[in-house]
């Protein structure tokens, strides 16, 4: 009763899963990924043990098809399972058990596996594949995953309705402070429009938890520094960095205040 896409970025450095379902907190059950190893989605009558097992097989050097074969051989409930896997090199595999609720099926290609069950029809996974293949490969993986997920939803998605959605994306050193591989881990557990809400959260994630690009940086000269410090003092903070940290903007301000993100400057000036 779920549709998902498992994929690797075109540059081979990022892996991820996007999923939606008429099911509470689908992100807690379906996706798993490890940078430099691969990603997996387990659904239908989900065997959540598949997540650790599949990643272990991939880490030991198995390709996605081999890892999938091992999962199914060891599981007497395989006729009720659905799973998609993408490996280190972008190899993909997908399984839909014969007892999954129709419509159920999937599509695979270089770097992606798309699958769904209890769907409006085959057009759901077909729309997801079209959206994935037509999206700009240079975009962040989370944006491409969300585009594919939204395309499936717009084509009918889970025929029971909407409830939850999630995105998990991993890349070496992409986590908070560079201390783990989790680039994005966002979940909408119960919402009437979960994919729209997921898009909203992804925009906030980009602002708060992604470093500014060079194009977004405004150089701080003496006059601007004085303006920023005056603003912080008026807001009751000892200095501008304290204000930025309080507002969770530390990814958008240089440690030495050599630059500030243009969006944060707009906040300071009341323009945002």
C-alpha atoms as a PDB file:
ATOM      1  CA  UNK A   1       0.000   0.000   0.000  1.00  0.00           C
ATOM      2  CA  UNK A   2       2.933   2.246  -0.807  1.00  0.00           C
ATOM      3  CA  UNK A   3       4.959   3.708  -3.662  1.00  0.00           C
ATOM      4  CA  UNK A   4       8.655   4.511  -3.564  1.00  0.00           C
ATOM      5  CA  UNK A   5      11.765   5.328  -5.544  1.00  0.00           C
ATOM      6  CA  UNK A   6      15.267   4.195  -4.586  1.00  0.00           C
ATOM      7  CA  UNK A   7      18.046   5.907  -6.499  1.00  0.00           C
ATOM      8  CA  UNK A   8      21.682   6.947  -6.818  1.00  0.00           C
ATOM      9  CA  UNK A   9      22.806  10.385  -8.019  1.00  0.00           C
ATOM     10  CA  UNK A  10      24.330  10.766 -11.463  1.00  0.00           C
ATOM     11  CA  UNK A  11      27.738  11.574  -9.965  1.00  0.00           C
ATOM     12  CA  UNK A  12      27.694   8.337  -7.974  1.00  0.00           C
ATOM     13  CA  UNK A  13      28.180  10.038  -4.617  1.00  0.00           C
ATOM     14  CA  UNK A  14      24.650  10.075  -3.146  1.00  0.00           C
ATOM     15  CA  UNK A  15      21.952   7.438  -2.503  1.00  0.00           C
ATOM     16  CA  UNK A  16      18.397   7.903  -1.357  1.00  0.00           C
ATOM     17  CA  UNK A  17      14.790   6.801  -1.010  1.00  0.00           C
ATOM     18  CA  UNK A  18      11.513   8.700  -1.294  1.00  0.00           C
ATOM     19  CA  UNK A  19       8.253   7.044  -0.278  1.00  0.00           C
ATOM     20  CA  UNK A  20       4.571   7.849   0.253  1.00  0.00           C
ATOM     21  CA  UNK A  21       1.647   5.814   1.549  1.00  0.00           C
ATOM     22  CA  UNK A  22      -1.772   5.684   3.173  1.00  0.00           C
ATOM     23  CA  UNK A  23       0.034   4.406   6.253  1.00  0.00           C
ATOM     24  CA  UNK A  24       1.102   6.108   9.453  1.00  0.00           C
ATOM     25  CA  UNK A  25       4.779   7.157   9.540  1.00  0.00           C
ATOM     26  CA  UNK A  26       5.852   5.284   6.420  1.00  0.00           C
ATOM     27  CA  UNK A  27       9.352   6.734   6.807  1.00  0.00           C
ATOM     28  CA  UNK A  28       9.868   4.691   9.950  1.00  0.00           C
ATOM     29  CA  UNK A  29       9.448   1.394   8.108  1.00  0.00           C
ATOM     30  CA  UNK A  30      10.389   1.627   4.431  1.00  0.00           C
ATOM     31  CA  UNK A  31      13.707   3.406   3.688  1.00  0.00           C
ATOM     32  CA  UNK A  32      17.310   2.662   4.577  1.00  0.00           C
ATOM     33  CA  UNK A  33      20.594   3.798   3.039  1.00  0.00           C
ATOM     34  CA  UNK A  34      24.311   4.007   3.758  1.00  0.00           C
ATOM     35  CA  UNK A  35      26.725   6.196   1.784  1.00  0.00           C
ATOM     36  CA  UNK A  36      29.178   4.211  -0.278  1.00  0.00           C
ATOM     37  CA  UNK A  37      26.998   1.102   0.074  1.00  0.00           C
ATOM     38  CA  UNK A  38      23.519   1.665  -1.395  1.00  0.00           C
ATOM     39  CA  UNK A  39      19.851   2.108  -0.546  1.00  0.00           C
ATOM     40  CA  UNK A  40      16.769  -0.037  -0.063  1.00  0.00           C
ATOM     41  CA  UNK A  41      12.985   0.305   0.305  1.00  0.00           C
ATOM     42  CA  UNK A  42      10.944  -2.504   1.872  1.00  0.00           C
ATOM     43  CA  UNK A  43       7.156  -2.319   1.656  1.00  0.00           C
ATOM     44  CA  UNK A  44       3.794  -4.105   1.083  1.00  0.00           C
ATOM     45  CA  UNK A  45       3.821  -6.609   3.976  1.00  0.00           C
ATOM     46  CA  UNK A  46       7.170  -5.035   4.787  1.00  0.00           C
ATOM     47  CA  UNK A  47       9.944  -7.166   6.183  1.00  0.00           C
ATOM     48  CA  UNK A  48      11.879  -4.443   7.988  1.00  0.00           C
ATOM     49  CA  UNK A  49      14.777  -6.856   8.499  1.00  0.00           C
ATOM     50  CA  UNK A  50      15.396  -6.465   4.769  1.00  0.00           C
ATOM     51  CA  UNK A  51      16.924  -3.044   5.443  1.00  0.00           C
ATOM     52  CA  UNK A  52      19.849  -4.230   7.509  1.00  0.00           C
ATOM     53  CA  UNK A  53      20.228  -7.472   5.585  1.00  0.00           C
ATOM     54  CA  UNK A  54      20.252  -5.820   2.168  1.00  0.00           C
ATOM     55  CA  UNK A  55      22.771  -3.176   3.215  1.00  0.00           C
ATOM     56  CA  UNK A  56      24.954  -5.873   4.769  1.00  0.00           C
ATOM     57  CA  UNK A  57      24.905  -7.877   1.524  1.00  0.00           C
ATOM     58  CA  UNK A  58      25.738  -4.765  -0.489  1.00  0.00           C
ATOM     59  CA  UNK A  59      28.538  -3.833   1.912  1.00  0.00           C
ATOM     60  CA  UNK A  60      30.027  -7.274   1.380  1.00  0.00           C
ATOM     61  CA  UNK A  61      30.150  -6.604  -2.365  1.00  0.00           C
ATOM     62  CA  UNK A  62      26.889  -8.080  -3.607  1.00  0.00           C
ATOM     63  CA  UNK A  63      25.167  -6.337  -6.497  1.00  0.00           C
ATOM     64  CA  UNK A  64      21.563  -5.227  -6.112  1.00  0.00           C
ATOM     65  CA  UNK A  65      20.180  -8.310  -7.954  1.00  0.00           C
ATOM     66  CA  UNK A  66      22.312 -10.675  -5.865  1.00  0.00           C
ATOM     67  CA  UNK A  67      21.341  -8.946  -2.620  1.00  0.00           C
ATOM     68  CA  UNK A  68      17.679  -9.189  -3.612  1.00  0.00           C
ATOM     69  CA  UNK A  69      18.008 -12.876  -4.445  1.00  0.00           C
ATOM     70  CA  UNK A  70      19.516 -13.554  -1.022  1.00  0.00           C
ATOM     71  CA  UNK A  71      16.706 -11.689   0.736  1.00  0.00           C
ATOM     72  CA  UNK A  72      14.013 -13.641  -1.073  1.00  0.00           C
ATOM     73  CA  UNK A  73      15.683 -17.017  -0.640  1.00  0.00           C
ATOM     74  CA  UNK A  74      15.737 -16.527   3.134  1.00  0.00           C
ATOM     75  CA  UNK A  75      12.122 -15.259   3.453  1.00  0.00           C
ATOM     76  CA  UNK A  76       9.111 -17.567   3.367  1.00  0.00           C
ATOM     77  CA  UNK A  77       6.869 -14.503   3.166  1.00  0.00           C
ATOM     78  CA  UNK A  78       8.416 -13.252  -0.094  1.00  0.00           C
ATOM     79  CA  UNK A  79       5.107 -13.542  -1.988  1.00  0.00           C
ATOM     80  CA  UNK A  80       3.763 -10.730   0.200  1.00  0.00           C
ATOM     81  CA  UNK A  81       6.857  -8.508   0.010  1.00  0.00           C
ATOM     82  CA  UNK A  82       7.888  -5.647  -2.208  1.00  0.00           C
ATOM     83  CA  UNK A  83      11.425  -4.299  -2.212  1.00  0.00           C
ATOM     84  CA  UNK A  84      13.679  -2.064  -4.300  1.00  0.00           C
ATOM     85  CA  UNK A  85      17.482  -1.882  -4.081  1.00  0.00           C
ATOM     86  CA  UNK A  86      20.177   0.289  -5.663  1.00  0.00           C
ATOM     87  CA  UNK A  87      23.804  -0.640  -5.095  1.00  0.00           C
ATOM     88  CA  UNK A  88      27.149   1.178  -4.935  1.00  0.00           C
ATOM     89  CA  UNK A  89      27.517   1.305  -8.718  1.00  0.00           C
ATOM     90  CA  UNK A  90      23.916   2.223  -9.481  1.00  0.00           C
ATOM     91  CA  UNK A  91      22.809  -1.305 -10.260  1.00  0.00           C
ATOM     92  CA  UNK A  92      19.140  -1.821  -9.413  1.00  0.00           C
ATOM     93  CA  UNK A  93      16.658  -4.541  -8.608  1.00  0.00           C
ATOM     94  CA  UNK A  94      12.994  -4.661  -7.607  1.00  0.00           C
ATOM     95  CA  UNK A  95      10.677  -7.445  -6.454  1.00  0.00           C
ATOM     96  CA  UNK A  96       6.887  -7.549  -6.239  1.00  0.00           C
ATOM     97  CA  UNK A  97       5.475 -10.679  -4.631  1.00  0.00           C
ATOM     98  CA  UNK A  98       2.576 -12.442  -6.298  1.00  0.00           C
ATOM     99  CA  UNK A  99       0.339 -11.839  -3.263  1.00  0.00           C
ATOM    100  CA  UNK A 100       0.843  -8.051  -3.118  1.00  0.00           C
ATOM    101  CA  UNK A 101      -2.400  -6.086  -3.389  1.00  0.00           C
ATOM    102  CA  UNK A 102      -2.978  -4.918  -6.995  1.00  0.00           C
ATOM    103  CA  UNK A 103      -2.118  -2.863  -8.782  1.00  0.00           C
ATOM    104  CA  UNK A 104       1.407  -3.815  -7.816  1.00  0.00           C
ATOM    105  CA  UNK A 105       4.660  -3.731  -9.740  1.00  0.00           C
ATOM    106  CA  UNK A 106       7.819  -1.822 -10.442  1.00  0.00           C
ATOM    107  CA  UNK A 107      10.318  -0.476 -12.930  1.00  0.00           C
ATOM    108  CA  UNK A 108      14.117  -0.422 -12.806  1.00  0.00           C
ATOM    109  CA  UNK A 109      16.882   1.255 -14.760  1.00  0.00           C
ATOM    110  CA  UNK A 110      20.403   2.548 -14.390  1.00  0.00           C
ATOM    111  CA  UNK A 111      20.557   4.066 -10.927  1.00  0.00           C
ATOM    112  CA  UNK A 112      16.907   3.675  -9.895  1.00  0.00           C
ATOM    113  CA  UNK A 113      14.262   1.213  -8.714  1.00  0.00           C
ATOM    114  CA  UNK A 114      10.604   2.278  -8.541  1.00  0.00           C
ATOM    115  CA  UNK A 115       7.865   0.128  -7.010  1.00  0.00           C
ATOM    116  CA  UNK A 116       4.366   0.346  -5.607  1.00  0.00           C
ATOM    117  CA  UNK A 117       1.415  -1.716  -4.452  1.00  0.00           C
ATOM    118  CA  UNK A 118      -2.285  -1.027  -3.922  1.00  0.00           C
ATOM    119  CA  UNK A 119      -1.880   1.711  -6.530  1.00  0.00           C
ATOM    120  CA  UNK A 120      -4.326   3.423  -8.863  1.00  0.00           C
ATOM    121  CA  UNK A 121      -2.578   1.615 -11.732  1.00  0.00           C
ATOM    122  CA  UNK A 122       0.658   1.039 -13.602  1.00  0.00           C
ATOM    123  CA  UNK A 123       0.579   4.692 -14.641  1.00  0.00           C
ATOM    124  CA  UNK A 124       1.799   5.627 -11.149  1.00  0.00           C
ATOM    125  CA  UNK A 125       5.214   3.977 -11.455  1.00  0.00           C
ATOM    126  CA  UNK A 126       5.418   4.950 -15.126  1.00  0.00           C
ATOM    127  CA  UNK A 127       4.904   8.624 -14.245  1.00  0.00           C
ATOM    128  CA  UNK A 128       7.534   8.344 -11.523  1.00  0.00           C
ATOM    129  CA  UNK A 129      10.034   6.860 -13.954  1.00  0.00           C
ATOM    130  CA  UNK A 130       9.315   9.549 -16.549  1.00  0.00           C
ATOM    131  CA  UNK A 131       9.755  12.288 -13.942  1.00  0.00           C
ATOM    132  CA  UNK A 132      13.006  10.788 -12.698  1.00  0.00           C
ATOM    133  CA  UNK A 133      14.478  10.337 -16.172  1.00  0.00           C
ATOM    134  CA  UNK A 134      13.468  13.816 -17.347  1.00  0.00           C
ATOM    135  CA  UNK A 135      14.754  15.632 -14.255  1.00  0.00           C
ATOM    136  CA  UNK A 136      18.087  17.466 -14.341  1.00  0.00           C
ATOM    137  CA  UNK A 137      20.765  14.982 -13.190  1.00  0.00           C
ATOM    138  CA  UNK A 138      22.758  17.861 -11.700  1.00  0.00           C
ATOM    139  CA  UNK A 139      19.995  18.721  -9.213  1.00  0.00           C
ATOM    140  CA  UNK A 140      20.392  17.521  -5.613  1.00  0.00           C
ATOM    141  CA  UNK A 141      19.173  13.948  -5.329  1.00  0.00           C
ATOM    142  CA  UNK A 142      16.454  14.905  -2.828  1.00  0.00           C
ATOM    143  CA  UNK A 143      14.918  17.292  -5.355  1.00  0.00           C
ATOM    144  CA  UNK A 144      14.827  14.629  -8.065  1.00  0.00           C
ATOM    145  CA  UNK A 145      13.354  12.082  -5.657  1.00  0.00           C
ATOM    146  CA  UNK A 146      10.632  14.494  -4.576  1.00  0.00           C
ATOM    147  CA  UNK A 147       9.790  15.277  -8.211  1.00  0.00           C
ATOM    148  CA  UNK A 148       9.349  11.571  -8.949  1.00  0.00           C
ATOM    149  CA  UNK A 149       7.282  11.007  -5.817  1.00  0.00           C
ATOM    150  CA  UNK A 150       5.006  13.945  -6.629  1.00  0.00           C
ATOM    151  CA  UNK A 151       4.508  12.624 -10.171  1.00  0.00           C
ATOM    152  CA  UNK A 152       3.309   9.301  -8.794  1.00  0.00           C
ATOM    153  CA  UNK A 153       0.966  11.026  -6.385  1.00  0.00           C
ATOM    154  CA  UNK A 154      -0.486  13.244  -9.096  1.00  0.00           C
ATOM    155  CA  UNK A 155      -1.183  10.167 -11.233  1.00  0.00           C
ATOM    156  CA  UNK A 156      -3.247   8.486  -8.530  1.00  0.00           C
ATOM    157  CA  UNK A 157      -0.685   7.146  -6.064  1.00  0.00           C
ATOM    158  CA  UNK A 158      -1.952   4.870  -3.315  1.00  0.00           C
ATOM    159  CA  UNK A 159      -5.574   4.172  -4.273  1.00  0.00           C
ATOM    160  CA  UNK A 160      -6.645   4.294  -0.607  1.00  0.00           C
ATOM    161  CA  UNK A 161      -5.549   7.925  -0.258  1.00  0.00           C
ATOM    162  CA  UNK A 162      -2.754   9.912   1.386  1.00  0.00           C
ATOM    163  CA  UNK A 163      -1.270   9.939   4.877  1.00  0.00           C
ATOM    164  CA  UNK A 164       2.533  10.005   5.115  1.00  0.00           C
ATOM    165  CA  UNK A 165       5.720  10.518   3.109  1.00  0.00           C
ATOM    166  CA  UNK A 166       9.472  10.580   3.677  1.00  0.00           C
ATOM    167  CA  UNK A 167      12.841  11.242   2.074  1.00  0.00           C
ATOM    168  CA  UNK A 168      16.167   9.758   3.190  1.00  0.00           C
ATOM    169  CA  UNK A 169      19.377  10.799   1.392  1.00  0.00           C
ATOM    170  CA  UNK A 170      22.957   9.867   2.302  1.00  0.00           C
ATOM    171  CA  UNK A 171      26.365  11.089   1.157  1.00  0.00           C
ATOM    172  CA  UNK A 172      29.791  10.814   2.769  1.00  0.00           C
ATOM    173  CA  UNK A 173      30.308  13.597   5.312  1.00  0.00           C
ATOM    174  CA  UNK A 174      26.959  15.229   4.523  1.00  0.00           C
ATOM    175  CA  UNK A 175      25.467  15.034   8.007  1.00  0.00           C
ATOM    176  CA  UNK A 176      25.207  17.779  10.605  1.00  0.00           C
ATOM    177  CA  UNK A 177      28.698  19.107  11.228  1.00  0.00           C
ATOM    178  CA  UNK A 178      30.023  16.592   8.694  1.00  0.00           C
ATOM    179  CA  UNK A 179      29.972  13.872  11.342  1.00  0.00           C
ATOM    180  CA  UNK A 180      27.769  11.301   9.596  1.00  0.00           C
ATOM    181  CA  UNK A 181      26.382  10.552   6.132  1.00  0.00           C
ATOM    182  CA  UNK A 182      22.750  11.659   6.526  1.00  0.00           C
ATOM    183  CA  UNK A 183      22.210  14.521   4.103  1.00  0.00           C
ATOM    184  CA  UNK A 184      18.395  14.557   4.403  1.00  0.00           C
ATOM    185  CA  UNK A 185      16.086  12.638   6.725  1.00  0.00           C
ATOM    186  CA  UNK A 186      12.601  14.153   6.616  1.00  0.00           C
ATOM    187  CA  UNK A 187       9.307  12.509   7.515  1.00  0.00           C
ATOM    188  CA  UNK A 188       5.694  13.584   7.381  1.00  0.00           C
ATOM    189  CA  UNK A 189       3.970  11.021   9.567  1.00  0.00           C
ATOM    190  CA  UNK A 190       0.288  11.998   9.335  1.00  0.00           C
ATOM    191  CA  UNK A 191      -0.962  14.757   7.041  1.00  0.00           C
ATOM    192  CA  UNK A 192      -3.765  15.247   4.480  1.00  0.00           C
ATOM    193  CA  UNK A 193      -1.218  16.368   1.857  1.00  0.00           C
ATOM    194  CA  UNK A 194       2.025  14.675   2.925  1.00  0.00           C
ATOM    195  CA  UNK A 195       4.022  15.258  -0.249  1.00  0.00           C
ATOM    196  CA  UNK A 196       3.253  18.978  -0.267  1.00  0.00           C
ATOM    197  CA  UNK A 197       4.255  19.106   3.386  1.00  0.00           C
ATOM    198  CA  UNK A 198       7.438  17.180   2.599  1.00  0.00           C
ATOM    199  CA  UNK A 199       8.289  19.776  -0.056  1.00  0.00           C
ATOM    200  CA  UNK A 200       7.805  22.545   2.507  1.00  0.00           C
ATOM    201  CA  UNK A 201      10.090  20.791   4.977  1.00  0.00           C
ATOM    202  CA  UNK A 202      12.698  20.241   2.281  1.00  0.00           C
ATOM    203  CA  UNK A 203      12.763  23.993   1.610  1.00  0.00           C
ATOM    204  CA  UNK A 204      13.326  24.624   5.326  1.00  0.00           C
ATOM    205  CA  UNK A 205      16.013  21.945   5.409  1.00  0.00           C
ATOM    206  CA  UNK A 206      17.838  23.669   2.581  1.00  0.00           C
ATOM    207  CA  UNK A 207      17.761  26.968   4.477  1.00  0.00           C
ATOM    208  CA  UNK A 208      18.721  25.725   7.932  1.00  0.00           C
ATOM    209  CA  UNK A 209      20.895  22.683   7.290  1.00  0.00           C
ATOM    210  CA  UNK A 210      22.655  23.365   4.001  1.00  0.00           C
ATOM    211  CA  UNK A 211      25.714  25.587   3.661  1.00  0.00           C
ATOM    212  CA  UNK A 212      25.478  28.749   1.566  1.00  0.00           C
ATOM    213  CA  UNK A 213      26.800  28.648  -1.970  1.00  0.00           C
ATOM    214  CA  UNK A 214      29.269  31.288  -3.140  1.00  0.00           C
ATOM    215  CA  UNK A 215      26.467  33.015  -5.058  1.00  0.00           C
ATOM    216  CA  UNK A 216      24.445  33.352  -1.854  1.00  0.00           C
ATOM    217  CA  UNK A 217      27.242  34.968   0.165  1.00  0.00           C
ATOM    218  CA  UNK A 218      27.350  38.715   0.809  1.00  0.00           C
ATOM    219  CA  UNK A 219      30.778  39.992   1.883  1.00  0.00           C
ATOM    220  CA  UNK A 220      30.663  41.723   5.259  1.00  0.00           C
ATOM    221  CA  UNK A 221      32.571  45.022   5.258  1.00  0.00           C
ATOM    222  CA  UNK A 222      33.024  47.273   8.284  1.00  0.00           C
ATOM    223  CA  UNK A 223      29.741  49.099   7.715  1.00  0.00           C
ATOM    224  CA  UNK A 224      27.736  45.890   7.364  1.00  0.00           C
ATOM    225  CA  UNK A 225      29.446  44.359  10.383  1.00  0.00           C
ATOM    226  CA  UNK A 226      28.427  47.353  12.465  1.00  0.00           C
ATOM    227  CA  UNK A 227      24.861  47.035  11.171  1.00  0.00           C
ATOM    228  CA  UNK A 228      24.728  43.346  12.096  1.00  0.00           C
ATOM    229  CA  UNK A 229      26.156  43.863  15.575  1.00  0.00           C
ATOM    230  CA  UNK A 230      23.763  46.748  16.225  1.00  0.00           C
ATOM    231  CA  UNK A 231      20.857  44.540  15.132  1.00  0.00           C
ATOM    232  CA  UNK A 232      21.950  41.719  17.445  1.00  0.00           C
ATOM    233  CA  UNK A 233      22.392  44.044  20.415  1.00  0.00           C
ATOM    234  CA  UNK A 234      18.947  45.548  19.870  1.00  0.00           C
ATOM    235  CA  UNK A 235      17.524  42.008  19.887  1.00  0.00           C
ATOM    236  CA  UNK A 236      19.149  41.370  23.267  1.00  0.00           C
ATOM    237  CA  UNK A 237      22.129  39.266  22.158  1.00  0.00           C
ATOM    238  CA  UNK A 238      25.781  39.759  23.060  1.00  0.00           C
ATOM    239  CA  UNK A 239      26.891  39.611  19.418  1.00  0.00           C
ATOM    240  CA  UNK A 240      25.632  38.709  15.954  1.00  0.00           C
ATOM    241  CA  UNK A 241      26.889  35.126  16.098  1.00  0.00           C
ATOM    242  CA  UNK A 242      24.827  34.537  19.230  1.00  0.00           C
ATOM    243  CA  UNK A 243      21.730  35.772  17.405  1.00  0.00           C
ATOM    244  CA  UNK A 244      22.511  33.578  14.369  1.00  0.00           C
ATOM    245  CA  UNK A 245      22.991  30.515  16.568  1.00  0.00           C
ATOM    246  CA  UNK A 246      19.786  31.204  18.475  1.00  0.00           C
ATOM    247  CA  UNK A 247      17.870  31.362  15.196  1.00  0.00           C
ATOM    248  CA  UNK A 248      19.646  28.242  13.821  1.00  0.00           C
ATOM    249  CA  UNK A 249      21.273  30.178  10.983  1.00  0.00           C
ATOM    250  CA  UNK A 250      24.840  29.110  11.756  1.00  0.00           C
ATOM    251  CA  UNK A 251      25.182  27.329   8.372  1.00  0.00           C
ATOM    252  CA  UNK A 252      24.415  30.654   6.702  1.00  0.00           C
ATOM    253  CA  UNK A 253      26.939  32.930   8.453  1.00  0.00           C
ATOM    254  CA  UNK A 254      30.745  32.668   8.290  1.00  0.00           C
ATOM    255  CA  UNK A 255      32.438  31.745  11.593  1.00  0.00           C
ATOM    256  CA  UNK A 256      34.507  34.955  11.355  1.00  0.00           C
ATOM    257  CA  UNK A 257      31.554  36.947   9.985  1.00  0.00           C
ATOM    258  CA  UNK A 258      33.428  37.458   6.712  1.00  0.00           C
ATOM    259  CA  UNK A 259      30.161  36.846   4.850  1.00  0.00           C
ATOM    260  CA  UNK A 260      26.456  36.414   5.484  1.00  0.00           C
ATOM    261  CA  UNK A 261      23.877  34.628   3.389  1.00  0.00           C
ATOM    262  CA  UNK A 262      21.738  37.048   1.394  1.00  0.00           C
ATOM    263  CA  UNK A 263      18.549  35.487   2.786  1.00  0.00           C
ATOM    264  CA  UNK A 264      19.693  35.971   6.371  1.00  0.00           C
ATOM    265  CA  UNK A 265      20.638  39.543   5.598  1.00  0.00           C
ATOM    266  CA  UNK A 266      17.094  40.013   4.283  1.00  0.00           C
ATOM    267  CA  UNK A 267      15.770  38.704   7.596  1.00  0.00           C
ATOM    268  CA  UNK A 268      17.953  41.171   9.488  1.00  0.00           C
ATOM    269  CA  UNK A 269      16.639  44.046   7.376  1.00  0.00           C
ATOM    270  CA  UNK A 270      13.021  42.974   7.688  1.00  0.00           C
ATOM    271  CA  UNK A 271      12.775  42.131   4.006  1.00  0.00           C
ATOM    272  CA  UNK A 272      11.900  38.455   4.521  1.00  0.00           C
END
